[in-house]
Amino acid sequence: YGDLVRFDDGLYMVNSPVLVEQVLKEHERHLRH
């Protein structure tokens, strides 16, 4: 399904190591802890 897949409402799976790094570095403040 690609690099970013919608699993459920508000829940996505990231299938690319490059995109994982980007999400963690650039969008960390938006992630739930």
ModelCIF file with pLDDT and N, C-alpha, C, O atoms, coordinates in Angstrom:
data_MODEL
#
_entry.id   MODEL 
#
_entity.id                         1 
_entity.type                       polymer 
_entity.pdbx_number_of_molecules   1 
#
_entity_poly.entity_id                      1 
_entity_poly.type                           'polypeptide(L)' 
_entity_poly.nstd_linkage                   no 
_entity_poly.nstd_monomer                   no 
_entity_poly.pdbx_seq_one_letter_code       YGDLVRFDDGLYMVNSPVLVEQVLKEHERHLRH 
_entity_poly.pdbx_seq_one_letter_code_can   YGDLVRFDDGLYMVNSPVLVEQVLKEHERHLRH 
_entity_poly.pdbx_strand_id                 A 
#
loop_
_entity_poly_seq.entity_id 
_entity_poly_seq.num 
_entity_poly_seq.mon_id 
_entity_poly_seq.hetero 
1 1  TYR n 
1 2  GLY n 
1 3  ASP n 
1 4  LEU n 
1 5  VAL n 
1 6  ARG n 
1 7  PHE n 
1 8  ASP n 
1 9  ASP n 
1 10 GLY n 
1 11 LEU n 
1 12 TYR n 
1 13 MET n 
1 14 VAL n 
1 15 ASN n 
1 16 SER n 
1 17 PRO n 
1 18 VAL n 
1 19 LEU n 
1 20 VAL n 
1 21 GLU n 
1 22 GLN n 
1 23 VAL n 
1 24 LEU n 
1 25 LYS n 
1 26 GLU n 
1 27 HIS n 
1 28 GLU n 
1 29 ARG n 
1 30 HIS n 
1 31 LEU n 
1 32 ARG n 
1 33 HIS n 
#
_struct_asym.id          A 
_struct_asym.entity_id   1 
#
loop_
_ma_qa_metric.id 
_ma_qa_metric.mode 
_ma_qa_metric.name 
_ma_qa_metric.software_group_id 
_ma_qa_metric.type 
1 global pLDDT . pLDDT 
2 local  pLDDT . pLDDT 
#
_ma_qa_metric_global.metric_id      1 
_ma_qa_metric_global.metric_value   81.91 
_ma_qa_metric_global.model_id       1 
_ma_qa_metric_global.ordinal_id     1 
#
loop_
_ma_qa_metric_local.label_asym_id 
_ma_qa_metric_local.label_comp_id 
_ma_qa_metric_local.label_seq_id 
_ma_qa_metric_local.metric_id 
_ma_qa_metric_local.metric_value 
_ma_qa_metric_local.model_id 
_ma_qa_metric_local.ordinal_id 
A TYR 1  2 84.00 1 1  
A GLY 2  2 85.00 1 2  
A ASP 3  2 87.00 1 3  
A LEU 4  2 85.00 1 4  
A VAL 5  2 84.00 1 5  
A ARG 6  2 81.00 1 6  
A PHE 7  2 78.00 1 7  
A ASP 8  2 74.00 1 8  
A ASP 9  2 69.00 1 9  
A GLY 10 2 70.00 1 10 
A LEU 11 2 78.00 1 11 
A TYR 12 2 81.00 1 12 
A MET 13 2 84.00 1 13 
A VAL 14 2 87.00 1 14 
A ASN 15 2 87.00 1 15 
A SER 16 2 89.00 1 16 
A PRO 17 2 92.00 1 17 
A VAL 18 2 94.00 1 18 
A LEU 19 2 90.00 1 19 
A VAL 20 2 90.00 1 20 
A GLU 21 2 92.00 1 21 
A GLN 22 2 90.00 1 22 
A VAL 23 2 84.00 1 23 
A LEU 24 2 85.00 1 24 
A LYS 25 2 86.00 1 25 
A GLU 26 2 84.00 1 26 
A HIS 27 2 79.00 1 27 
A GLU 28 2 76.00 1 28 
A ARG 29 2 76.00 1 29 
A HIS 30 2 73.00 1 30 
A LEU 31 2 72.00 1 31 
A ARG 32 2 70.00 1 32 
A HIS 33 2 67.00 1 33 
#
loop_
_atom_site.group_PDB 
_atom_site.id 
_atom_site.type_symbol 
_atom_site.label_atom_id 
_atom_site.label_alt_id 
_atom_site.label_comp_id 
_atom_site.label_asym_id 
_atom_site.label_entity_id 
_atom_site.label_seq_id 
_atom_site.pdbx_PDB_ins_code 
_atom_site.Cartn_x 
_atom_site.Cartn_y 
_atom_site.Cartn_z 
_atom_site.occupancy 
_atom_site.B_iso_or_equiv 
_atom_site.pdbx_formal_charge 
_atom_site.auth_seq_id 
_atom_site.auth_comp_id 
_atom_site.auth_asym_id 
_atom_site.auth_atom_id 
_atom_site.pdbx_PDB_model_num 
ATOM 1   N N  . TYR A 1 1  ? 0.802  -1.222 0.000  1.00 84.00 ? 1  TYR A N  1 
ATOM 2   C CA . TYR A 1 1  ? 0.000  0.000  0.000  1.00 84.00 ? 1  TYR A CA 1 
ATOM 3   C C  . TYR A 1 1  ? 0.836  1.273  0.000  1.00 84.00 ? 1  TYR A C  1 
ATOM 4   O O  . TYR A 1 1  ? 0.285  2.371  -0.078 1.00 84.00 ? 1  TYR A O  1 
ATOM 5   N N  . GLY A 1 2  ? 2.147  1.145  0.085  1.00 85.00 ? 2  GLY A N  1 
ATOM 6   C CA . GLY A 1 2  ? 2.990  2.336  0.006  1.00 85.00 ? 2  GLY A CA 1 
ATOM 7   C C  . GLY A 1 2  ? 3.745  2.628  1.288  1.00 85.00 ? 2  GLY A C  1 
ATOM 8   O O  . GLY A 1 2  ? 3.805  1.807  2.203  1.00 85.00 ? 2  GLY A O  1 
ATOM 9   N N  . ASP A 1 3  ? 4.320  3.823  1.326  1.00 87.00 ? 3  ASP A N  1 
ATOM 10  C CA . ASP A 1 3  ? 5.174  4.226  2.440  1.00 87.00 ? 3  ASP A CA 1 
ATOM 11  C C  . ASP A 1 3  ? 4.396  4.567  3.709  1.00 87.00 ? 3  ASP A C  1 
ATOM 12  O O  . ASP A 1 3  ? 4.891  4.373  4.820  1.00 87.00 ? 3  ASP A O  1 
ATOM 13  N N  . LEU A 1 4  ? 3.194  5.069  3.538  1.00 85.00 ? 4  LEU A N  1 
ATOM 14  C CA . LEU A 1 4  ? 2.386  5.493  4.672  1.00 85.00 ? 4  LEU A CA 1 
ATOM 15  C C  . LEU A 1 4  ? 0.981  4.925  4.486  1.00 85.00 ? 4  LEU A C  1 
ATOM 16  O O  . LEU A 1 4  ? 0.290  5.261  3.525  1.00 85.00 ? 4  LEU A O  1 
ATOM 17  N N  . VAL A 1 5  ? 0.567  4.061  5.413  1.00 84.00 ? 5  VAL A N  1 
ATOM 18  C CA . VAL A 1 5  ? -0.684 3.322  5.260  1.00 84.00 ? 5  VAL A CA 1 
ATOM 19  C C  . VAL A 1 5  ? -1.613 3.636  6.422  1.00 84.00 ? 5  VAL A C  1 
ATOM 20  O O  . VAL A 1 5  ? -1.208 3.593  7.583  1.00 84.00 ? 5  VAL A O  1 
ATOM 21  N N  . ARG A 1 6  ? -2.857 3.951  6.102  1.00 81.00 ? 6  ARG A N  1 
ATOM 22  C CA . ARG A 1 6  ? -3.853 4.178  7.152  1.00 81.00 ? 6  ARG A CA 1 
ATOM 23  C C  . ARG A 1 6  ? -4.325 2.823  7.657  1.00 81.00 ? 6  ARG A C  1 
ATOM 24  O O  . ARG A 1 6  ? -4.817 1.997  6.888  1.00 81.00 ? 6  ARG A O  1 
ATOM 25  N N  . PHE A 1 7  ? -4.169 2.607  8.948  1.00 78.00 ? 7  PHE A N  1 
ATOM 26  C CA . PHE A 1 7  ? -4.579 1.349  9.582  1.00 78.00 ? 7  PHE A CA 1 
ATOM 27  C C  . PHE A 1 7  ? -5.974 1.494  10.188 1.00 78.00 ? 7  PHE A C  1 
ATOM 28  O O  . PHE A 1 7  ? -6.818 0.606  10.068 1.00 78.00 ? 7  PHE A O  1 
ATOM 29  N N  . ASP A 1 8  ? -6.189 2.616  10.830 1.00 74.00 ? 8  ASP A N  1 
ATOM 30  C CA . ASP A 1 8  ? -7.419 2.858  11.560 1.00 74.00 ? 8  ASP A CA 1 
ATOM 31  C C  . ASP A 1 8  ? -7.549 4.371  11.730 1.00 74.00 ? 8  ASP A C  1 
ATOM 32  O O  . ASP A 1 8  ? -6.649 5.110  11.330 1.00 74.00 ? 8  ASP A O  1 
ATOM 33  N N  . ASP A 1 9  ? -8.627 4.836  12.305 1.00 69.00 ? 9  ASP A N  1 
ATOM 34  C CA . ASP A 1 9  ? -8.779 6.277  12.526 1.00 69.00 ? 9  ASP A CA 1 
ATOM 35  C C  . ASP A 1 9  ? -7.611 6.806  13.353 1.00 69.00 ? 9  ASP A C  1 
ATOM 36  O O  . ASP A 1 9  ? -7.421 6.408  14.502 1.00 69.00 ? 9  ASP A O  1 
ATOM 37  N N  . GLY A 1 10 ? -6.835 7.701  12.759 1.00 70.00 ? 10 GLY A N  1 
ATOM 38  C CA . GLY A 1 10 ? -5.728 8.324  13.469 1.00 70.00 ? 10 GLY A CA 1 
ATOM 39  C C  . GLY A 1 10 ? -4.502 7.452  13.657 1.00 70.00 ? 10 GLY A C  1 
ATOM 40  O O  . GLY A 1 10 ? -3.549 7.873  14.313 1.00 70.00 ? 10 GLY A O  1 
ATOM 41  N N  . LEU A 1 11 ? -4.499 6.265  13.107 1.00 78.00 ? 11 LEU A N  1 
ATOM 42  C CA . LEU A 1 11 ? -3.362 5.360  13.263 1.00 78.00 ? 11 LEU A CA 1 
ATOM 43  C C  . LEU A 1 11 ? -2.813 5.007  11.892 1.00 78.00 ? 11 LEU A C  1 
ATOM 44  O O  . LEU A 1 11 ? -3.528 4.485  11.037 1.00 78.00 ? 11 LEU A O  1 
ATOM 45  N N  . TYR A 1 12 ? -1.553 5.295  11.697 1.00 81.00 ? 12 TYR A N  1 
ATOM 46  C CA . TYR A 1 12 ? -0.892 5.034  10.430 1.00 81.00 ? 12 TYR A CA 1 
ATOM 47  C C  . TYR A 1 12 ? 0.311  4.129  10.660 1.00 81.00 ? 12 TYR A C  1 
ATOM 48  O O  . TYR A 1 12 ? 0.897  4.124  11.742 1.00 81.00 ? 12 TYR A O  1 
ATOM 49  N N  . MET A 1 13 ? 0.671  3.372  9.641  1.00 84.00 ? 13 MET A N  1 
ATOM 50  C CA . MET A 1 13 ? 1.891  2.577  9.661  1.00 84.00 ? 13 MET A CA 1 
ATOM 51  C C  . MET A 1 13 ? 2.859  3.177  8.660  1.00 84.00 ? 13 MET A C  1 
ATOM 52  O O  . MET A 1 13 ? 2.481  3.495  7.533  1.00 84.00 ? 13 MET A O  1 
ATOM 53  N N  . VAL A 1 14 ? 4.101  3.328  9.073  1.00 87.00 ? 14 VAL A N  1 
ATOM 54  C CA . VAL A 1 14 ? 5.136  3.892  8.217  1.00 87.00 ? 14 VAL A CA 1 
ATOM 55  C C  . VAL A 1 14 ? 6.036  2.748  7.763  1.00 87.00 ? 14 VAL A C  1 
ATOM 56  O O  . VAL A 1 14 ? 6.618  2.045  8.590  1.00 87.00 ? 14 VAL A O  1 
ATOM 57  N N  . ASN A 1 15 ? 6.149  2.562  6.446  1.00 87.00 ? 15 ASN A N  1 
ATOM 58  C CA . ASN A 1 15 ? 6.868  1.429  5.880  1.00 87.00 ? 15 ASN A CA 1 
ATOM 59  C C  . ASN A 1 15 ? 8.211  1.796  5.271  1.00 87.00 ? 15 ASN A C  1 
ATOM 60  O O  . ASN A 1 15 ? 8.814  0.971  4.586  1.00 87.00 ? 15 ASN A O  1 
ATOM 61  N N  . SER A 1 16 ? 8.688  2.993  5.498  1.00 89.00 ? 16 SER A N  1 
ATOM 62  C CA . SER A 1 16 ? 9.941  3.441  4.910  1.00 89.00 ? 16 SER A CA 1 
ATOM 63  C C  . SER A 1 16 ? 10.869 3.937  6.014  1.00 89.00 ? 16 SER A C  1 
ATOM 64  O O  . SER A 1 16 ? 10.486 4.822  6.779  1.00 89.00 ? 16 SER A O  1 
ATOM 65  N N  . PRO A 1 17 ? 12.084 3.389  6.118  1.00 92.00 ? 17 PRO A N  1 
ATOM 66  C CA . PRO A 1 17 ? 13.025 3.855  7.143  1.00 92.00 ? 17 PRO A CA 1 
ATOM 67  C C  . PRO A 1 17 ? 13.304 5.353  7.039  1.00 92.00 ? 17 PRO A C  1 
ATOM 68  O O  . PRO A 1 17 ? 13.452 6.031  8.056  1.00 92.00 ? 17 PRO A O  1 
ATOM 69  N N  . VAL A 1 18 ? 13.376 5.864  5.826  1.00 94.00 ? 18 VAL A N  1 
ATOM 70  C CA . VAL A 1 18 ? 13.633 7.296  5.632  1.00 94.00 ? 18 VAL A CA 1 
ATOM 71  C C  . VAL A 1 18 ? 12.463 8.107  6.175  1.00 94.00 ? 18 VAL A C  1 
ATOM 72  O O  . VAL A 1 18 ? 12.664 9.126  6.836  1.00 94.00 ? 18 VAL A O  1 
ATOM 73  N N  . LEU A 1 19 ? 11.258 7.662  5.899  1.00 90.00 ? 19 LEU A N  1 
ATOM 74  C CA . LEU A 1 19 ? 10.073 8.367  6.380  1.00 90.00 ? 19 LEU A CA 1 
ATOM 75  C C  . LEU A 1 19 ? 9.933  8.235  7.892  1.00 90.00 ? 19 LEU A C  1 
ATOM 76  O O  . LEU A 1 19 ? 9.494  9.183  8.543  1.00 90.00 ? 19 LEU A O  1 
ATOM 77  N N  . VAL A 1 20 ? 10.287 7.103  8.465  1.00 90.00 ? 20 VAL A N  1 
ATOM 78  C CA . VAL A 1 20 ? 10.268 6.936  9.924  1.00 90.00 ? 20 VAL A CA 1 
ATOM 79  C C  . VAL A 1 20 ? 11.170 7.983  10.561 1.00 90.00 ? 20 VAL A C  1 
ATOM 80  O O  . VAL A 1 20 ? 10.775 8.654  11.514 1.00 90.00 ? 20 VAL A O  1 
ATOM 81  N N  . GLU A 1 21 ? 12.372 8.119  10.036 1.00 92.00 ? 21 GLU A N  1 
ATOM 82  C CA . GLU A 1 21 ? 13.314 9.105  10.574 1.00 92.00 ? 21 GLU A CA 1 
ATOM 83  C C  . GLU A 1 21 ? 12.746 10.517 10.461 1.00 92.00 ? 21 GLU A C  1 
ATOM 84  O O  . GLU A 1 21 ? 12.843 11.305 11.402 1.00 92.00 ? 21 GLU A O  1 
ATOM 85  N N  . GLN A 1 22 ? 12.160 10.833 9.324  1.00 90.00 ? 22 GLN A N  1 
ATOM 86  C CA . GLN A 1 22 ? 11.582 12.159 9.119  1.00 90.00 ? 22 GLN A CA 1 
ATOM 87  C C  . GLN A 1 22 ? 10.448 12.428 10.112 1.00 90.00 ? 22 GLN A C  1 
ATOM 88  O O  . GLN A 1 22 ? 10.383 13.502 10.709 1.00 90.00 ? 22 GLN A O  1 
ATOM 89  N N  . VAL A 1 23 ? 9.572  11.467 10.281 1.00 84.00 ? 23 VAL A N  1 
ATOM 90  C CA . VAL A 1 23 ? 8.454  11.636 11.212 1.00 84.00 ? 23 VAL A CA 1 
ATOM 91  C C  . VAL A 1 23 ? 8.969  11.851 12.627 1.00 84.00 ? 23 VAL A C  1 
ATOM 92  O O  . VAL A 1 23 ? 8.499  12.746 13.330 1.00 84.00 ? 23 VAL A O  1 
ATOM 93  N N  . LEU A 1 24 ? 9.930  11.040 13.050 1.00 85.00 ? 24 LEU A N  1 
ATOM 94  C CA . LEU A 1 24 ? 10.434 11.145 14.420 1.00 85.00 ? 24 LEU A CA 1 
ATOM 95  C C  . LEU A 1 24 ? 11.179 12.446 14.667 1.00 85.00 ? 24 LEU A C  1 
ATOM 96  O O  . LEU A 1 24 ? 11.089 13.012 15.757 1.00 85.00 ? 24 LEU A O  1 
ATOM 97  N N  . LYS A 1 25 ? 11.907 12.924 13.680 1.00 86.00 ? 25 LYS A N  1 
ATOM 98  C CA . LYS A 1 25 ? 12.679 14.161 13.849 1.00 86.00 ? 25 LYS A CA 1 
ATOM 99  C C  . LYS A 1 25 ? 11.819 15.413 13.712 1.00 86.00 ? 25 LYS A C  1 
ATOM 100 O O  . LYS A 1 25 ? 11.934 16.341 14.513 1.00 86.00 ? 25 LYS A O  1 
ATOM 101 N N  . GLU A 1 26 ? 10.965 15.439 12.705 1.00 84.00 ? 26 GLU A N  1 
ATOM 102 C CA . GLU A 1 26 ? 10.253 16.668 12.381 1.00 84.00 ? 26 GLU A CA 1 
ATOM 103 C C  . GLU A 1 26 ? 8.874  16.789 13.026 1.00 84.00 ? 26 GLU A C  1 
ATOM 104 O O  . GLU A 1 26 ? 8.350  17.896 13.150 1.00 84.00 ? 26 GLU A O  1 
ATOM 105 N N  . HIS A 1 27 ? 8.284  15.675 13.436 1.00 79.00 ? 27 HIS A N  1 
ATOM 106 C CA . HIS A 1 27 ? 6.913  15.720 13.937 1.00 79.00 ? 27 HIS A CA 1 
ATOM 107 C C  . HIS A 1 27 ? 6.787  15.135 15.335 1.00 79.00 ? 27 HIS A C  1 
ATOM 108 O O  . HIS A 1 27 ? 5.686  14.777 15.752 1.00 79.00 ? 27 HIS A O  1 
ATOM 109 N N  . GLU A 1 28 ? 7.868  15.031 16.051 1.00 76.00 ? 28 GLU A N  1 
ATOM 110 C CA . GLU A 1 28 ? 7.888  14.411 17.373 1.00 76.00 ? 28 GLU A CA 1 
ATOM 111 C C  . GLU A 1 28 ? 6.887  15.076 18.319 1.00 76.00 ? 28 GLU A C  1 
ATOM 112 O O  . GLU A 1 28 ? 6.241  14.397 19.118 1.00 76.00 ? 28 GLU A O  1 
ATOM 113 N N  . ARG A 1 29 ? 6.760  16.376 18.232 1.00 76.00 ? 29 ARG A N  1 
ATOM 114 C CA . ARG A 1 29 ? 5.874  17.091 19.162 1.00 76.00 ? 29 ARG A CA 1 
ATOM 115 C C  . ARG A 1 29 ? 4.394  16.728 18.959 1.00 76.00 ? 29 ARG A C  1 
ATOM 116 O O  . ARG A 1 29 ? 3.576  16.968 19.847 1.00 76.00 ? 29 ARG A O  1 
ATOM 117 N N  . HIS A 1 30 ? 4.049  16.159 17.809 1.00 73.00 ? 30 HIS A N  1 
ATOM 118 C CA . HIS A 1 30 ? 2.669  15.796 17.516 1.00 73.00 ? 30 HIS A CA 1 
ATOM 119 C C  . HIS A 1 30 ? 2.351  14.343 17.862 1.00 73.00 ? 30 HIS A C  1 
ATOM 120 O O  . HIS A 1 30 ? 1.193  13.931 17.792 1.00 73.00 ? 30 HIS A O  1 
ATOM 121 N N  . LEU A 1 31 ? 3.354  13.572 18.230 1.00 72.00 ? 31 LEU A N  1 
ATOM 122 C CA . LEU A 1 31 ? 3.156  12.149 18.517 1.00 72.00 ? 31 LEU A CA 1 
ATOM 123 C C  . LEU A 1 31 ? 2.690  11.956 19.949 1.00 72.00 ? 31 LEU A C  1 
ATOM 124 O O  . LEU A 1 31 ? 3.064  12.716 20.842 1.00 72.00 ? 31 LEU A O  1 
ATOM 125 N N  . ARG A 1 32 ? 1.891  10.960 20.157 1.00 70.00 ? 32 ARG A N  1 
ATOM 126 C CA . ARG A 1 32 ? 1.460  10.623 21.512 1.00 70.00 ? 32 ARG A CA 1 
ATOM 127 C C  . ARG A 1 32 ? 2.572  9.840  22.192 1.00 70.00 ? 32 ARG A C  1 
ATOM 128 O O  . ARG A 1 32 ? 3.239  9.011  21.572 1.00 70.00 ? 32 ARG A O  1 
ATOM 129 N N  . HIS A 1 33 ? 2.757  10.111 23.456 1.00 67.00 ? 33 HIS A N  1 
ATOM 130 C CA . HIS A 1 33 ? 3.770  9.390  24.230 1.00 67.00 ? 33 HIS A CA 1 
ATOM 131 C C  . HIS A 1 33 ? 3.070  8.513  25.262 1.00 67.00 ? 33 HIS A C  1 
ATOM 132 O O  . HIS A 1 33 ? 3.732  7.814  26.029 1.00 67.00 ? 33 HIS A O  1 
#
